[in-house]
Amino acid sequence: MKILLAVDGSAYTQRMLAHLAAHDELLGSGHDYTALTAVTPVPSRAAGFLSHEVLNGYYEEQAEHVLKPVRAFAKQQGWQIDCRHVVGHAADAITEFAEAGRFDLLVMGTHGHTPLGSVVLGSTTMRVIAQSKLPVLLVR
C-alpha cells in the first residue's frame, strides 16, 4: 500500500508517527511510505527580489527542518520512507500531491480542535478531508 504521511514538524506529527510505530497492527508492514511537508510560499512581492536559487534554497531549508527528524524516526523504525516537500498552502498542496501520486491512504496528526474551534481557527485537516478523494486516517 502507498501511504502518504502529512508532516509539519509539530508535536502532533511526532505523536502521529509514534502512534503508527506503536500500533503496527493498524497498517501492517511492507508499505511504501512518503512523508510530505508543505512549505508556505514567500509572498510574490518579496519573492520578486530574490533569485531563483535563493528562493529554492529557502524552501529546501524550511522543508529539511521538518523532514530531518521524520527521516531519523523512520530509520529507527526500519521504515523505507521517501521524504518530499511542496511549496503551497498546506491543505491544497497535500491533496494535490496525494491525488497525483495515486496514494492509497493519507495519514495526518490532528490538533483535535472542536468543530467550533476549527471554524474560528481554520483547519488544514478539515480542508484536506473535504478535498481528498482518498481515505484519510487522523491520529489525534
Protein backbone atom coordinates (compact mmCIF):
# COMPACT_ATOMS: atom_id res chain seq x y z
CA MET A 1 0.00 0.00 0.00
CA LYS A 2 1.22 3.52 -0.77
CA ILE A 3 0.83 5.65 2.33
CA LEU A 4 1.29 9.42 2.44
CA LEU A 5 2.24 10.89 5.81
CA ALA A 6 1.46 14.61 6.00
CA VAL A 7 4.02 16.12 8.38
CA ASP A 8 4.57 19.63 9.68
CA GLY A 9 7.21 19.26 12.39
CA SER A 10 4.75 19.79 15.22
CA ALA A 11 4.16 17.68 18.31
CA TYR A 12 1.06 16.37 16.51
CA THR A 13 3.23 14.95 13.75
CA GLN A 14 5.51 13.34 16.34
CA ARG A 15 2.52 11.76 18.07
CA MET A 16 1.11 10.51 14.77
CA LEU A 17 4.42 8.84 13.86
CA ALA A 18 4.80 7.35 17.34
CA HIS A 19 1.24 6.02 17.20
CA LEU A 20 1.84 4.33 13.85
CA ALA A 21 5.08 2.82 15.13
CA ALA A 22 3.49 1.59 18.38
CA HIS A 23 0.46 0.16 16.58
CA ASP A 24 1.91 -1.52 13.53
CA GLU A 25 -1.15 -3.79 13.51
CA LEU A 26 -3.11 -0.81 12.12
CA LEU A 27 -1.36 -0.84 8.78
CA GLY A 28 0.91 -3.86 8.95
CA SER A 29 4.36 -3.89 7.43
CA GLY A 30 5.87 -3.65 4.00
CA HIS A 31 4.23 -0.42 2.84
CA ASP A 32 5.67 2.37 0.75
CA TYR A 33 5.75 5.47 2.95
CA THR A 34 6.14 9.01 1.70
CA ALA A 35 6.44 11.92 4.13
CA LEU A 36 5.26 15.23 2.73
CA THR A 37 5.58 18.70 4.14
CA ALA A 38 4.12 21.82 2.61
CA VAL A 39 6.24 24.95 2.76
CA THR A 40 4.33 28.22 2.80
CA PRO A 41 5.26 30.27 -0.27
CA VAL A 42 7.09 33.55 0.11
CA PRO A 43 4.74 36.40 -0.88
CA SER A 44 5.20 37.26 -4.55
CA ARG A 45 6.20 40.86 -3.76
CA ALA A 46 9.13 39.61 -1.67
CA ALA A 47 9.95 36.68 -3.97
CA GLY A 48 10.43 39.11 -6.85
CA PHE A 49 13.54 40.48 -5.13
CA LEU A 50 15.14 37.07 -4.65
CA SER A 51 16.98 34.92 -7.14
CA HIS A 52 15.52 31.56 -8.05
CA GLU A 53 18.45 29.84 -6.31
CA VAL A 54 17.99 31.78 -3.06
CA LEU A 55 14.25 31.15 -3.02
CA ASN A 56 14.64 27.43 -3.70
CA GLY A 57 17.36 27.24 -1.03
CA TYR A 58 14.98 28.81 1.47
CA TYR A 59 12.23 26.32 0.62
CA GLU A 60 14.66 23.38 0.87
CA GLU A 61 15.93 24.63 4.24
CA GLN A 62 12.41 25.00 5.64
CA ALA A 63 11.44 21.54 4.39
CA GLU A 64 14.58 19.90 5.75
CA HIS A 65 13.87 21.38 9.19
CA VAL A 66 10.63 19.33 9.21
CA LEU A 67 11.78 16.25 7.30
CA LYS A 68 15.12 15.54 9.01
CA PRO A 69 13.57 14.25 12.27
CA VAL A 70 10.95 12.29 10.30
CA ARG A 71 13.70 10.62 8.29
CA ALA A 72 15.59 9.76 11.51
CA PHE A 73 12.46 8.34 13.16
CA ALA A 74 11.64 6.23 10.11
CA LYS A 75 15.18 4.85 10.08
CA GLN A 76 14.84 3.86 13.76
CA GLN A 77 11.62 2.03 12.92
CA GLY A 78 13.12 0.28 9.91
CA TRP A 79 10.69 2.00 7.56
CA GLN A 80 11.62 2.78 3.98
CA ILE A 81 10.47 6.37 3.50
CA ASP A 82 10.64 8.89 0.70
CA CYS A 83 10.67 12.47 2.03
CA ARG A 84 9.26 15.22 -0.16
CA HIS A 85 8.19 18.82 0.05
CA VAL A 86 5.93 21.04 -1.97
CA VAL A 87 5.51 24.79 -1.91
CA GLY A 88 1.95 25.91 -1.36
CA HIS A 89 -0.82 26.20 1.14
CA ALA A 90 -0.89 23.02 3.19
CA ALA A 91 -4.36 21.60 2.52
CA ASP A 92 -4.28 22.24 -1.23
CA ALA A 93 -0.70 21.02 -1.59
CA ILE A 94 -1.33 17.83 0.38
CA THR A 95 -4.47 16.84 -1.52
CA GLU A 96 -2.95 17.64 -4.92
CA PHE A 97 0.20 15.64 -4.12
CA ALA A 98 -1.84 12.70 -2.78
CA GLU A 99 -4.01 12.58 -5.88
CA ALA A 100 -1.13 12.95 -8.32
CA GLY A 101 0.88 10.27 -6.51
CA ARG A 102 -2.00 7.79 -6.50
CA PHE A 103 -1.67 7.07 -2.81
CA ASP A 104 -3.94 4.54 -1.10
CA LEU A 105 -4.08 6.27 2.28
CA LEU A 106 -3.29 9.68 3.74
CA VAL A 107 -2.32 9.84 7.43
CA MET A 108 -2.28 13.08 9.41
CA GLY A 109 -1.88 14.14 13.00
CA THR A 110 -4.59 16.48 14.15
CA HIS A 111 -4.72 19.20 16.77
CA GLY A 112 -8.11 17.96 17.92
CA HIS A 113 -9.96 21.29 17.75
CA THR A 114 -13.67 21.19 18.40
CA PRO A 115 -15.84 21.90 15.34
CA LEU A 116 -16.30 25.48 16.55
CA GLY A 117 -12.56 25.84 17.06
CA SER A 118 -11.97 24.65 13.52
CA VAL A 119 -14.39 27.23 12.16
CA VAL A 120 -12.80 30.03 14.13
CA LEU A 121 -9.16 28.98 13.70
CA GLY A 122 -9.42 27.23 10.34
CA SER A 123 -8.25 23.69 9.94
CA THR A 124 -5.89 22.17 7.46
CA THR A 125 -7.23 18.76 8.45
CA MET A 126 -10.84 19.73 7.73
CA ARG A 127 -9.89 21.13 4.33
CA VAL A 128 -7.90 18.01 3.45
CA ILE A 129 -10.84 15.78 4.41
CA ALA A 130 -13.21 17.91 2.33
CA GLN A 131 -10.92 17.92 -0.73
CA SER A 132 -9.41 14.44 -0.60
CA LYS A 133 -10.62 11.62 -2.81
CA LEU A 134 -8.73 9.00 -0.82
CA PRO A 135 -9.17 7.69 2.72
CA VAL A 136 -7.72 9.88 5.45
CA LEU A 137 -6.59 8.44 8.78
CA LEU A 138 -6.47 11.07 11.53
CA VAL A 139 -4.37 10.47 14.62
CA ARG A 140 -5.33 12.74 17.48
